[in-house]
Amino acid sequence: MYDVVIDAVGKSSFFRCKKILKPGGVYFSTELGYLSQNIFLALLTPIFSILPGRHPGKKVKLPIPSDSKDDIVFFKELIEAGKYKAVIDRSYPLEEIVEATKYVETGQKAGNVIITVG
């Protein structure tokens, strides 16, 4: 179970990730989602969690550009505390960037693909 799921490429959805989020967990997405559902979920999920008789609900958040120092500090603290772990699928040297790109385009990567320089 996770406190936060960050979908930076739009490969998943809130409904797929909901079962792996802890109560009060947050699903961040950079995509609008199927039929732009993430816009509506970002507006509605906080409301559902404050209804009488409900425990802290899971929420959807979109990275709508804003100057929120609190968000930056939150992510900084997660990284510094070692609580954020990037998932790395594969690593390629710069000379194999074409192969790396072909692999990414298969849609089968499960994490980041790293290009090493030098």
PDB file of N, CA and C in Angstrom:
ATOM      1  N   MET A   1       0.850  -1.185   0.000  1.00  0.00           N
ATOM      2  CA  MET A   1       0.000   0.000   0.000  1.00  0.00           C
ATOM      3  C   MET A   1       0.890   1.240   0.000  1.00  0.00           C
ATOM      4  N   TYR A   2       0.464   2.249  -0.753  1.00  0.00           N
ATOM      5  CA  TYR A   2       1.265   3.449  -0.932  1.00  0.00           C
ATOM      6  C   TYR A   2       0.494   4.700  -0.502  1.00  0.00           C
ATOM      7  N   ASP A   3       1.236   5.695  -0.006  1.00  0.00           N
ATOM      8  CA  ASP A   3       0.648   6.987   0.336  1.00  0.00           C
ATOM      9  C   ASP A   3       0.412   7.818  -0.920  1.00  0.00           C
ATOM     10  N   VAL A   4       1.318   7.678  -1.891  1.00  0.00           N
ATOM     11  CA  VAL A   4       1.260   8.487  -3.110  1.00  0.00           C
ATOM     12  C   VAL A   4       1.627   7.618  -4.305  1.00  0.00           C
ATOM     13  N   VAL A   5       0.873   7.755  -5.390  1.00  0.00           N
ATOM     14  CA  VAL A   5       1.225   7.161  -6.679  1.00  0.00           C
ATOM     15  C   VAL A   5       1.331   8.317  -7.661  1.00  0.00           C
ATOM     16  N   ILE A   6       2.474   8.411  -8.335  1.00  0.00           N
ATOM     17  CA  ILE A   6       2.685   9.468  -9.319  1.00  0.00           C
ATOM     18  C   ILE A   6       2.743   8.830 -10.695  1.00  0.00           C
ATOM     19  N   ASP A   7       1.767   9.150 -11.519  1.00  0.00           N
ATOM     20  CA  ASP A   7       1.721   8.643 -12.895  1.00  0.00           C
ATOM     21  C   ASP A   7       2.174   9.779 -13.804  1.00  0.00           C
ATOM     22  N   ALA A   8       3.457   9.787 -14.104  1.00  0.00           N
ATOM     23  CA  ALA A   8       4.041  10.894 -14.863  1.00  0.00           C
ATOM     24  C   ALA A   8       3.882  10.741 -16.364  1.00  0.00           C
ATOM     25  N   VAL A   9       3.407   9.591 -16.830  1.00  0.00           N
ATOM     26  CA  VAL A   9       3.261   9.400 -18.271  1.00  0.00           C
ATOM     27  C   VAL A   9       1.850   8.994 -18.675  1.00  0.00           C
ATOM     28  N   GLY A  10       0.948   8.904 -17.746  1.00  0.00           N
ATOM     29  CA  GLY A  10      -0.439   8.606 -18.069  1.00  0.00           C
ATOM     30  C   GLY A  10      -0.684   7.170 -18.499  1.00  0.00           C
ATOM     31  N   LYS A  11       0.121   6.221 -18.023  1.00  0.00           N
ATOM     32  CA  LYS A  11      -0.057   4.820 -18.406  1.00  0.00           C
ATOM     33  C   LYS A  11      -1.078   4.104 -17.537  1.00  0.00           C
ATOM     34  N   SER A  12      -1.484   4.716 -16.449  1.00  0.00           N
ATOM     35  CA  SER A  12      -2.399   4.043 -15.543  1.00  0.00           C
ATOM     36  C   SER A  12      -3.647   4.896 -15.358  1.00  0.00           C
ATOM     37  N   SER A  13      -4.363   4.658 -14.283  1.00  0.00           N
ATOM     38  CA  SER A  13      -5.544   5.464 -13.971  1.00  0.00           C
ATOM     39  C   SER A  13      -5.770   5.429 -12.471  1.00  0.00           C
ATOM     40  N   PHE A  14      -6.565   6.362 -11.988  1.00  0.00           N
ATOM     41  CA  PHE A  14      -6.910   6.385 -10.569  1.00  0.00           C
ATOM     42  C   PHE A  14      -7.590   5.073 -10.174  1.00  0.00           C
ATOM     43  N   PHE A  15      -8.486   4.594 -11.030  1.00  0.00           N
ATOM     44  CA  PHE A  15      -9.242   3.396 -10.686  1.00  0.00           C
ATOM     45  C   PHE A  15      -8.353   2.150 -10.642  1.00  0.00           C
ATOM     46  N   ARG A  16      -7.312   2.088 -11.461  1.00  0.00           N
ATOM     47  CA  ARG A  16      -6.358   0.978 -11.384  1.00  0.00           C
ATOM     48  C   ARG A  16      -5.501   1.083 -10.123  1.00  0.00           C
ATOM     49  N   CYS A  17      -5.140   2.301  -9.750  1.00  0.00           N
ATOM     50  CA  CYS A  17      -4.226   2.503  -8.618  1.00  0.00           C
ATOM     51  C   CYS A  17      -4.946   2.597  -7.282  1.00  0.00           C
ATOM     52  N   LYS A  18      -6.236   2.792  -7.300  1.00  0.00           N
ATOM     53  CA  LYS A  18      -7.004   2.990  -6.065  1.00  0.00           C
ATOM     54  C   LYS A  18      -6.777   1.862  -5.062  1.00  0.00           C
ATOM     55  N   LYS A  19      -6.699   0.627  -5.551  1.00  0.00           N
ATOM     56  CA  LYS A  19      -6.553  -0.521  -4.643  1.00  0.00           C
ATOM     57  C   LYS A  19      -5.181  -0.589  -3.974  1.00  0.00           C
ATOM     58  N   ILE A  20      -4.176   0.117  -4.525  1.00  0.00           N
ATOM     59  CA  ILE A  20      -2.850   0.090  -3.904  1.00  0.00           C
ATOM     60  C   ILE A  20      -2.566   1.336  -3.068  1.00  0.00           C
ATOM     61  N   LEU A  21      -3.542   2.258  -3.007  1.00  0.00           N
ATOM     62  CA  LEU A  21      -3.390   3.470  -2.190  1.00  0.00           C
ATOM     63  C   LEU A  21      -3.905   3.227  -0.776  1.00  0.00           C
ATOM     64  N   LYS A  22      -3.169   3.730   0.194  1.00  0.00           N
ATOM     65  CA  LYS A  22      -3.623   3.699   1.583  1.00  0.00           C
ATOM     66  C   LYS A  22      -4.806   4.650   1.740  1.00  0.00           C
ATOM     67  N   PRO A  23      -5.612   4.487   2.791  1.00  0.00           N
ATOM     68  CA  PRO A  23      -6.652   5.484   3.064  1.00  0.00           C
ATOM     69  C   PRO A  23      -6.018   6.871   3.164  1.00  0.00           C
ATOM     70  N   GLY A  24      -6.609   7.833   2.495  1.00  0.00           N
ATOM     71  CA  GLY A  24      -6.055   9.180   2.461  1.00  0.00           C
ATOM     72  C   GLY A  24      -4.958   9.343   1.426  1.00  0.00           C
ATOM     73  N   GLY A  25      -4.662   8.273   0.666  1.00  0.00           N
ATOM     74  CA  GLY A  25      -3.611   8.317  -0.338  1.00  0.00           C
ATOM     75  C   GLY A  25      -3.966   9.217  -1.510  1.00  0.00           C
ATOM     76  N   VAL A  26      -2.943   9.599  -2.259  1.00  0.00           N
ATOM     77  CA  VAL A  26      -3.132  10.544  -3.370  1.00  0.00           C
ATOM     78  C   VAL A  26      -2.574   9.958  -4.659  1.00  0.00           C
ATOM     79  N   TYR A  27      -3.357  10.053  -5.720  1.00  0.00           N
ATOM     80  CA  TYR A  27      -2.939   9.660  -7.065  1.00  0.00           C
ATOM     81  C   TYR A  27      -2.675  10.947  -7.845  1.00  0.00           C
ATOM     82  N   PHE A  28      -1.403  11.166  -8.234  1.00  0.00           N
ATOM     83  CA  PHE A  28      -1.024  12.321  -9.052  1.00  0.00           C
ATOM     84  C   PHE A  28      -0.911  11.850 -10.497  1.00  0.00           C
ATOM     85  N   SER A  29      -1.443  12.623 -11.424  1.00  0.00           N
ATOM     86  CA  SER A  29      -1.308  12.283 -12.835  1.00  0.00           C
ATOM     87  C   SER A  29      -1.002  13.534 -13.637  1.00  0.00           C
ATOM     88  N   THR A  30      -0.183  13.346 -14.668  1.00  0.00           N
ATOM     89  CA  THR A  30       0.116  14.450 -15.576  1.00  0.00           C
ATOM     90  C   THR A  30      -0.833  14.448 -16.760  1.00  0.00           C
ATOM     91  N   GLU A  31      -1.673  13.434 -16.842  1.00  0.00           N
ATOM     92  CA  GLU A  31      -2.605  13.280 -17.951  1.00  0.00           C
ATOM     93  C   GLU A  31      -4.024  13.592 -17.501  1.00  0.00           C
ATOM     94  N   LEU A  32      -4.856  13.958 -18.445  1.00  0.00           N
ATOM     95  CA  LEU A  32      -6.257  14.218 -18.125  1.00  0.00           C
ATOM     96  C   LEU A  32      -7.039  12.936 -17.903  1.00  0.00           C
ATOM     97  N   GLY A  33      -6.534  11.817 -18.416  1.00  0.00           N
ATOM     98  CA  GLY A  33      -7.204  10.539 -18.239  1.00  0.00           C
ATOM     99  C   GLY A  33      -8.275  10.318 -19.287  1.00  0.00           C
ATOM    100  N   TYR A  34      -8.797   9.091 -19.306  1.00  0.00           N
ATOM    101  CA  TYR A  34      -9.842   8.698 -20.240  1.00  0.00           C
ATOM    102  C   TYR A  34     -11.040   9.627 -20.087  1.00  0.00           C
ATOM    103  N   LEU A  35     -11.488  10.205 -21.189  1.00  0.00           N
ATOM    104  CA  LEU A  35     -12.609  11.160 -21.208  1.00  0.00           C
ATOM    105  C   LEU A  35     -12.396  12.321 -20.235  1.00  0.00           C
ATOM    106  N   SER A  36     -11.129  12.685 -20.021  1.00  0.00           N
ATOM    107  CA  SER A  36     -10.760  13.788 -19.118  1.00  0.00           C
ATOM    108  C   SER A  36     -11.245  13.562 -17.693  1.00  0.00           C
ATOM    109  N   GLN A  37     -11.337  12.298 -17.283  1.00  0.00           N
ATOM    110  CA  GLN A  37     -11.887  11.971 -15.963  1.00  0.00           C
ATOM    111  C   GLN A  37     -11.082  12.550 -14.810  1.00  0.00           C
ATOM    112  N   ASN A  38      -9.774  12.726 -14.993  1.00  0.00           N
ATOM    113  CA  ASN A  38      -8.966  13.194 -13.863  1.00  0.00           C
ATOM    114  C   ASN A  38      -9.329  14.611 -13.425  1.00  0.00           C
ATOM    115  N   ILE A  39      -9.805  15.414 -14.353  1.00  0.00           N
ATOM    116  CA  ILE A  39     -10.253  16.766 -13.981  1.00  0.00           C
ATOM    117  C   ILE A  39     -11.402  16.658 -12.983  1.00  0.00           C
ATOM    118  N   PHE A  40     -12.379  15.825 -13.304  1.00  0.00           N
ATOM    119  CA  PHE A  40     -13.554  15.682 -12.445  1.00  0.00           C
ATOM    120  C   PHE A  40     -13.212  14.971 -11.139  1.00  0.00           C
ATOM    121  N   LEU A  41     -12.350  13.953 -11.226  1.00  0.00           N
ATOM    122  CA  LEU A  41     -11.955  13.241 -10.010  1.00  0.00           C
ATOM    123  C   LEU A  41     -11.165  14.142  -9.066  1.00  0.00           C
ATOM    124  N   ALA A  42     -10.338  15.020  -9.638  1.00  0.00           N
ATOM    125  CA  ALA A  42      -9.574  15.950  -8.795  1.00  0.00           C
ATOM    126  C   ALA A  42     -10.513  16.901  -8.054  1.00  0.00           C
ATOM    127  N   LEU A  43     -11.631  17.233  -8.669  1.00  0.00           N
ATOM    128  CA  LEU A  43     -12.604  18.120  -8.025  1.00  0.00           C
ATOM    129  C   LEU A  43     -13.497  17.368  -7.033  1.00  0.00           C
ATOM    130  N   LEU A  44     -13.844  16.122  -7.349  1.00  0.00           N
ATOM    131  CA  LEU A  44     -14.830  15.391  -6.549  1.00  0.00           C
ATOM    132  C   LEU A  44     -14.250  14.563  -5.405  1.00  0.00           C
ATOM    133  N   THR A  45     -13.076  13.967  -5.580  1.00  0.00           N
ATOM    134  CA  THR A  45     -12.570  13.072  -4.529  1.00  0.00           C
ATOM    135  C   THR A  45     -12.356  13.770  -3.185  1.00  0.00           C
ATOM    136  N   PRO A  46     -11.918  15.023  -3.145  1.00  0.00           N
ATOM    137  CA  PRO A  46     -11.818  15.663  -1.820  1.00  0.00           C
ATOM    138  C   PRO A  46     -13.185  15.839  -1.147  1.00  0.00           C
ATOM    139  N   ILE A  47     -14.221  16.054  -1.950  1.00  0.00           N
ATOM    140  CA  ILE A  47     -15.570  16.233  -1.400  1.00  0.00           C
ATOM    141  C   ILE A  47     -16.060  14.923  -0.789  1.00  0.00           C
ATOM    142  N   PHE A  48     -15.842  13.795  -1.506  1.00  0.00           N
ATOM    143  CA  PHE A  48     -16.286  12.493  -0.998  1.00  0.00           C
ATOM    144  C   PHE A  48     -15.638  12.146   0.331  1.00  0.00           C
ATOM    145  N   SER A  49     -14.398  12.583   0.526  1.00  0.00           N
ATOM    146  CA  SER A  49     -13.688  12.206   1.752  1.00  0.00           C
ATOM    147  C   SER A  49     -14.169  12.978   2.985  1.00  0.00           C
ATOM    148  N   ILE A  50     -14.911  14.068   2.791  1.00  0.00           N
ATOM    149  CA  ILE A  50     -15.385  14.825   3.952  1.00  0.00           C
ATOM    150  C   ILE A  50     -16.859  14.561   4.264  1.00  0.00           C
ATOM    151  N   LEU A  51     -17.489  13.676   3.499  1.00  0.00           N
ATOM    152  CA  LEU A  51     -18.887  13.360   3.772  1.00  0.00           C
ATOM    153  C   LEU A  51     -19.003  12.654   5.120  1.00  0.00           C
ATOM    154  N   PRO A  52     -20.112  12.864   5.831  1.00  0.00           N
ATOM    155  CA  PRO A  52     -20.298  12.216   7.138  1.00  0.00           C
ATOM    156  C   PRO A  52     -20.177  10.697   7.026  1.00  0.00           C
ATOM    157  N   GLY A  53     -19.480  10.107   7.993  1.00  0.00           N
ATOM    158  CA  GLY A  53     -19.330   8.666   8.038  1.00  0.00           C
ATOM    159  C   GLY A  53     -18.240   8.101   7.143  1.00  0.00           C
ATOM    160  N   ARG A  54     -17.512   8.957   6.451  1.00  0.00           N
ATOM    161  CA  ARG A  54     -16.451   8.478   5.560  1.00  0.00           C
ATOM    162  C   ARG A  54     -15.091   8.666   6.217  1.00  0.00           C
ATOM    163  N   HIS A  55     -14.215   7.707   6.055  1.00  0.00           N
ATOM    164  CA  HIS A  55     -12.837   7.869   6.518  1.00  0.00           C
ATOM    165  C   HIS A  55     -12.082   8.673   5.460  1.00  0.00           C
ATOM    166  N   PRO A  56     -10.861   9.094   5.759  1.00  0.00           N
ATOM    167  CA  PRO A  56     -10.129   9.886   4.765  1.00  0.00           C
ATOM    168  C   PRO A  56     -10.053   9.139   3.439  1.00  0.00           C
ATOM    169  N   GLY A  57     -10.651   9.721   2.428  1.00  0.00           N
ATOM    170  CA  GLY A  57     -10.712   9.067   1.134  1.00  0.00           C
ATOM    171  C   GLY A  57      -9.465   9.265   0.301  1.00  0.00           C
ATOM    172  N   LYS A  58      -9.360   8.463  -0.722  1.00  0.00           N
ATOM    173  CA  LYS A  58      -8.267   8.573  -1.667  1.00  0.00           C
ATOM    174  C   LYS A  58      -8.588   9.715  -2.618  1.00  0.00           C
ATOM    175  N   LYS A  59      -7.555  10.425  -3.059  1.00  0.00           N
ATOM    176  CA  LYS A  59      -7.766  11.634  -3.851  1.00  0.00           C
ATOM    177  C   LYS A  59      -6.988  11.593  -5.154  1.00  0.00           C
ATOM    178  N   VAL A  60      -7.479  12.348  -6.122  1.00  0.00           N
ATOM    179  CA  VAL A  60      -6.787  12.548  -7.393  1.00  0.00           C
ATOM    180  C   VAL A  60      -6.311  13.984  -7.431  1.00  0.00           C
ATOM    181  N   LYS A  61      -5.079  14.183  -7.839  1.00  0.00           N
ATOM    182  CA  LYS A  61      -4.548  15.533  -8.004  1.00  0.00           C
ATOM    183  C   LYS A  61      -3.880  15.633  -9.360  1.00  0.00           C
ATOM    184  N   LEU A  62      -4.070  16.756  -9.998  1.00  0.00           N
ATOM    185  CA  LEU A  62      -3.409  17.040 -11.262  1.00  0.00           C
ATOM    186  C   LEU A  62      -2.340  18.087 -11.012  1.00  0.00           C
ATOM    187  N   PRO A  63      -1.222  17.992 -11.719  1.00  0.00           N
ATOM    188  CA  PRO A  63      -0.175  18.999 -11.513  1.00  0.00           C
ATOM    189  C   PRO A  63      -0.505  20.292 -12.230  1.00  0.00           C
ATOM    190  N   ILE A  64      -1.573  20.923 -11.795  1.00  0.00           N
ATOM    191  CA  ILE A  64      -1.947  22.209 -12.363  1.00  0.00           C
ATOM    192  C   ILE A  64      -0.908  23.213 -11.914  1.00  0.00           C
ATOM    193  N   PRO A  65      -0.296  23.907 -12.853  1.00  0.00           N
ATOM    194  CA  PRO A  65       0.778  24.828 -12.473  1.00  0.00           C
ATOM    195  C   PRO A  65       0.334  25.823 -11.402  1.00  0.00           C
ATOM    196  N   SER A  66       1.104  25.869 -10.358  1.00  0.00           N
ATOM    197  CA  SER A  66       0.837  26.820  -9.289  1.00  0.00           C
ATOM    198  C   SER A  66       2.151  27.060  -8.554  1.00  0.00           C
ATOM    199  N   ASP A  67       2.157  28.052  -7.723  1.00  0.00           N
ATOM    200  CA  ASP A  67       3.352  28.382  -6.952  1.00  0.00           C
ATOM    201  C   ASP A  67       3.195  27.884  -5.527  1.00  0.00           C
ATOM    202  N   SER A  68       2.992  26.575  -5.379  1.00  0.00           N
ATOM    203  CA  SER A  68       2.777  26.017  -4.062  1.00  0.00           C
ATOM    204  C   SER A  68       4.104  25.579  -3.443  1.00  0.00           C
ATOM    205  N   LYS A  69       4.592  26.376  -2.539  1.00  0.00           N
ATOM    206  CA  LYS A  69       5.827  26.043  -1.833  1.00  0.00           C
ATOM    207  C   LYS A  69       5.637  24.768  -1.008  1.00  0.00           C
ATOM    208  N   ASP A  70       4.427  24.580  -0.465  1.00  0.00           N
ATOM    209  CA  ASP A  70       4.153  23.395   0.344  1.00  0.00           C
ATOM    210  C   ASP A  70       4.370  22.105  -0.452  1.00  0.00           C
ATOM    211  N   ASP A  71       3.939  22.074  -1.719  1.00  0.00           N
ATOM    212  CA  ASP A  71       4.129  20.884  -2.546  1.00  0.00           C
ATOM    213  C   ASP A  71       5.606  20.616  -2.791  1.00  0.00           C
ATOM    214  N   ILE A  72       6.365  21.653  -3.084  1.00  0.00           N
ATOM    215  CA  ILE A  72       7.801  21.500  -3.342  1.00  0.00           C
ATOM    216  C   ILE A  72       8.506  20.989  -2.078  1.00  0.00           C
ATOM    217  N   VAL A  73       8.161  21.552  -0.949  1.00  0.00           N
ATOM    218  CA  VAL A  73       8.764  21.129   0.319  1.00  0.00           C
ATOM    219  C   VAL A  73       8.391  19.675   0.615  1.00  0.00           C
ATOM    220  N   PHE A  74       7.133  19.310   0.347  1.00  0.00           N
ATOM    221  CA  PHE A  74       6.673  17.938   0.560  1.00  0.00           C
ATOM    222  C   PHE A  74       7.529  16.944  -0.224  1.00  0.00           C
ATOM    223  N   PHE A  75       7.708  17.184  -1.524  1.00  0.00           N
ATOM    224  CA  PHE A  75       8.501  16.274  -2.354  1.00  0.00           C
ATOM    225  C   PHE A  75       9.975  16.301  -1.962  1.00  0.00           C
ATOM    226  N   LYS A  76      10.488  17.466  -1.609  1.00  0.00           N
ATOM    227  CA  LYS A  76      11.883  17.583  -1.161  1.00  0.00           C
ATOM    228  C   LYS A  76      12.104  16.721   0.080  1.00  0.00           C
ATOM    229  N   GLU A  77      11.179  16.791   1.023  1.00  0.00           N
ATOM    230  CA  GLU A  77      11.308  16.021   2.261  1.00  0.00           C
ATOM    231  C   GLU A  77      11.196  14.512   2.002  1.00  0.00           C
ATOM    232  N   LEU A  78      10.312  14.115   1.099  1.00  0.00           N
ATOM    233  CA  LEU A  78      10.209  12.695   0.746  1.00  0.00           C
ATOM    234  C   LEU A  78      11.522  12.179   0.177  1.00  0.00           C
ATOM    235  N   ILE A  79      12.111  12.943  -0.730  1.00  0.00           N
ATOM    236  CA  ILE A  79      13.371  12.533  -1.367  1.00  0.00           C
ATOM    237  C   ILE A  79      14.493  12.487  -0.345  1.00  0.00           C
ATOM    238  N   GLU A  80      14.615  13.526   0.460  1.00  0.00           N
ATOM    239  CA  GLU A  80      15.686  13.577   1.462  1.00  0.00           C
ATOM    240  C   GLU A  80      15.562  12.478   2.513  1.00  0.00           C
ATOM    241  N   ALA A  81      14.332  12.076   2.826  1.00  0.00           N
ATOM    242  CA  ALA A  81      14.114  11.034   3.837  1.00  0.00           C
ATOM    243  C   ALA A  81      14.287   9.630   3.245  1.00  0.00           C
ATOM    244  N   GLY A  82      14.549   9.574   1.948  1.00  0.00           N
ATOM    245  CA  GLY A  82      14.722   8.278   1.304  1.00  0.00           C
ATOM    246  C   GLY A  82      13.422   7.527   1.110  1.00  0.00           C
ATOM    247  N   LYS A  83      12.295   8.239   1.171  1.00  0.00           N
ATOM    248  CA  LYS A  83      10.987   7.595   1.024  1.00  0.00           C
ATOM    249  C   LYS A  83      10.511   7.556  -0.428  1.00  0.00           C
ATOM    250  N   TYR A  84      11.233   8.208  -1.303  1.00  0.00           N
ATOM    251  CA  TYR A  84      10.898   8.180  -2.728  1.00  0.00           C
ATOM    252  C   TYR A  84      11.938   7.322  -3.427  1.00  0.00           C
ATOM    253  N   LYS A  85      11.470   6.344  -4.161  1.00  0.00           N
ATOM    254  CA  LYS A  85      12.394   5.477  -4.885  1.00  0.00           C
ATOM    255  C   LYS A  85      11.939   5.423  -6.344  1.00  0.00           C
ATOM    256  N   ALA A  86      12.764   5.962  -7.223  1.00  0.00           N
ATOM    257  CA  ALA A  86      12.453   5.911  -8.644  1.00  0.00           C
ATOM    258  C   ALA A  86      12.575   4.471  -9.128  1.00  0.00           C
ATOM    259  N   VAL A  87      11.660   4.065  -9.971  1.00  0.00           N
ATOM    260  CA  VAL A  87      11.703   2.730 -10.546  1.00  0.00           C
ATOM    261  C   VAL A  87      12.476   2.818 -11.857  1.00  0.00           C
ATOM    262  N   ILE A  88      13.562   2.070 -11.940  1.00  0.00           N
ATOM    263  CA  ILE A  88      14.387   2.073 -13.148  1.00  0.00           C
ATOM    264  C   ILE A  88      14.232   0.721 -13.825  1.00  0.00           C
ATOM    265  N   ASP A  89      13.772   0.750 -15.050  1.00  0.00           N
ATOM    266  CA  ASP A  89      13.564  -0.472 -15.827  1.00  0.00           C
ATOM    267  C   ASP A  89      14.871  -0.936 -16.458  1.00  0.00           C
ATOM    268  N   ARG A  90      15.474  -0.046 -17.238  1.00  0.00           N
ATOM    269  CA  ARG A  90      16.712  -0.395 -17.944  1.00  0.00           C
ATOM    270  C   ARG A  90      17.600   0.825 -18.060  1.00  0.00           C
ATOM    271  N   SER A  91      18.860   0.547 -18.349  1.00  0.00           N
ATOM    272  CA  SER A  91      19.837   1.611 -18.564  1.00  0.00           C
ATOM    273  C   SER A  91      20.572   1.317 -19.867  1.00  0.00           C
ATOM    274  N   TYR A  92      20.740   2.352 -20.680  1.00  0.00           N
ATOM    275  CA  TYR A  92      21.439   2.219 -21.959  1.00  0.00           C
ATOM    276  C   TYR A  92      22.546   3.265 -22.034  1.00  0.00           C
ATOM    277  N   PRO A  93      23.689   2.924 -22.656  1.00  0.00           N
ATOM    278  CA  PRO A  93      24.695   3.955 -22.919  1.00  0.00           C
ATOM    279  C   PRO A  93      24.196   4.841 -24.063  1.00  0.00           C
ATOM    280  N   LEU A  94      24.699   6.060 -24.124  1.00  0.00           N
ATOM    281  CA  LEU A  94      24.273   7.020 -25.144  1.00  0.00           C
ATOM    282  C   LEU A  94      24.364   6.431 -26.553  1.00  0.00           C
ATOM    283  N   GLU A  95      25.369   5.598 -26.791  1.00  0.00           N
ATOM    284  CA  GLU A  95      25.556   5.011 -28.116  1.00  0.00           C
ATOM    285  C   GLU A  95      24.383   4.109 -28.524  1.00  0.00           C
ATOM    286  N   GLU A  96      23.586   3.660 -27.558  1.00  0.00           N
ATOM    287  CA  GLU A  96      22.455   2.770 -27.843  1.00  0.00           C
ATOM    288  C   GLU A  96      21.111   3.482 -27.675  1.00  0.00           C
ATOM    289  N   ILE A  97      21.114   4.788 -27.890  1.00  0.00           N
ATOM    290  CA  ILE A  97      19.879   5.560 -27.681  1.00  0.00           C
ATOM    291  C   ILE A  97      18.765   5.139 -28.642  1.00  0.00           C
ATOM    292  N   VAL A  98      19.123   4.703 -29.834  1.00  0.00           N
ATOM    293  CA  VAL A  98      18.105   4.237 -30.782  1.00  0.00           C
ATOM    294  C   VAL A  98      17.407   2.992 -30.219  1.00  0.00           C
ATOM    295  N   GLU A  99      18.190   2.048 -29.691  1.00  0.00           N
ATOM    296  CA  GLU A  99      17.609   0.847 -29.091  1.00  0.00           C
ATOM    297  C   GLU A  99      16.757   1.205 -27.876  1.00  0.00           C
ATOM    298  N   ALA A 100      17.221   2.154 -27.075  1.00  0.00           N
ATOM    299  CA  ALA A 100      16.459   2.589 -25.903  1.00  0.00           C
ATOM    300  C   ALA A 100      15.117   3.174 -26.324  1.00  0.00           C
ATOM    301  N   THR A 101      15.146   3.997 -27.356  1.00  0.00           N
ATOM    302  CA  THR A 101      13.911   4.611 -27.845  1.00  0.00           C
ATOM    303  C   THR A 101      12.953   3.550 -28.377  1.00  0.00           C
ATOM    304  N   LYS A 102      13.479   2.591 -29.113  1.00  0.00           N
ATOM    305  CA  LYS A 102      12.628   1.499 -29.627  1.00  0.00           C
ATOM    306  C   LYS A 102      11.991   0.719 -28.479  1.00  0.00           C
ATOM    307  N   TYR A 103      12.776   0.481 -27.424  1.00  0.00           N
ATOM    308  CA  TYR A 103      12.236  -0.229 -26.268  1.00  0.00           C
ATOM    309  C   TYR A 103      11.117   0.572 -25.606  1.00  0.00           C
ATOM    310  N   VAL A 104      11.326   1.856 -25.412  1.00  0.00           N
ATOM    311  CA  VAL A 104      10.293   2.701 -24.796  1.00  0.00           C
ATOM    312  C   VAL A 104       9.028   2.700 -25.645  1.00  0.00           C
ATOM    313  N   GLU A 105       9.192   2.756 -26.959  1.00  0.00           N
ATOM    314  CA  GLU A 105       8.041   2.808 -27.857  1.00  0.00           C
ATOM    315  C   GLU A 105       7.234   1.516 -27.882  1.00  0.00           C
ATOM    316  N   THR A 106       7.791   0.413 -27.368  1.00  0.00           N
ATOM    317  CA  THR A 106       7.017  -0.833 -27.300  1.00  0.00           C
ATOM    318  C   THR A 106       5.889  -0.728 -26.284  1.00  0.00           C
ATOM    319  N   GLY A 107       6.008   0.245 -25.358  1.00  0.00           N
ATOM    320  CA  GLY A 107       4.994   0.405 -24.323  1.00  0.00           C
ATOM    321  C   GLY A 107       5.096  -0.620 -23.213  1.00  0.00           C
ATOM    322  N   GLN A 108       6.186  -1.375 -23.177  1.00  0.00           N
ATOM    323  CA  GLN A 108       6.323  -2.436 -22.191  1.00  0.00           C
ATOM    324  C   GLN A 108       7.238  -2.091 -21.033  1.00  0.00           C
ATOM    325  N   LYS A 109       7.775  -0.889 -21.026  1.00  0.00           N
ATOM    326  CA  LYS A 109       8.673  -0.538 -19.928  1.00  0.00           C
ATOM    327  C   LYS A 109       7.875  -0.382 -18.642  1.00  0.00           C
ATOM    328  N   ALA A 110       8.510  -0.742 -17.558  1.00  0.00           N
ATOM    329  CA  ALA A 110       7.870  -0.638 -16.248  1.00  0.00           C
ATOM    330  C   ALA A 110       8.779   0.198 -15.353  1.00  0.00           C
ATOM    331  N   GLY A 111       8.885   1.464 -15.662  1.00  0.00           N
ATOM    332  CA  GLY A 111       9.765   2.360 -14.922  1.00  0.00           C
ATOM    333  C   GLY A 111      10.511   3.256 -15.890  1.00  0.00           C
ATOM    334  N   ASN A 112      11.517   3.890 -15.377  1.00  0.00           N
ATOM    335  CA  ASN A 112      12.303   4.826 -16.183  1.00  0.00           C
ATOM    336  C   ASN A 112      13.359   4.094 -16.995  1.00  0.00           C
ATOM    337  N   VAL A 113      13.660   4.636 -18.154  1.00  0.00           N
ATOM    338  CA  VAL A 113      14.766   4.151 -18.965  1.00  0.00           C
ATOM    339  C   VAL A 113      15.843   5.217 -18.892  1.00  0.00           C
ATOM    340  N   ILE A 114      17.009   4.825 -18.436  1.00  0.00           N
ATOM    341  CA  ILE A 114      18.107   5.748 -18.193  1.00  0.00           C
ATOM    342  C   ILE A 114      19.093   5.713 -19.345  1.00  0.00           C
ATOM    343  N   ILE A 115      19.554   6.881 -19.778  1.00  0.00           N
ATOM    344  CA  ILE A 115      20.602   7.001 -20.788  1.00  0.00           C
ATOM    345  C   ILE A 115      21.850   7.516 -20.063  1.00  0.00           C
ATOM    346  N   THR A 116      22.904   6.734 -20.103  1.00  0.00           N
ATOM    347  CA  THR A 116      24.147   7.146 -19.441  1.00  0.00           C
ATOM    348  C   THR A 116      25.055   7.837 -20.448  1.00  0.00           C
ATOM    349  N   VAL A 117      25.658   8.906 -20.017  1.00  0.00           N
ATOM    350  CA  VAL A 117      26.554   9.683 -20.879  1.00  0.00           C
ATOM    351  C   VAL A 117      27.957   9.589 -20.300  1.00  0.00           C
ATOM    352  N   GLY A 118      28.901   9.287 -21.178  1.00  0.00           N
ATOM    353  CA  GLY A 118      30.294   9.316 -20.731  1.00  0.00           C
ATOM    354  C   GLY A 118      30.949   8.018 -20.583  1.00  0.00           C
TER     355      GLY A 118
END
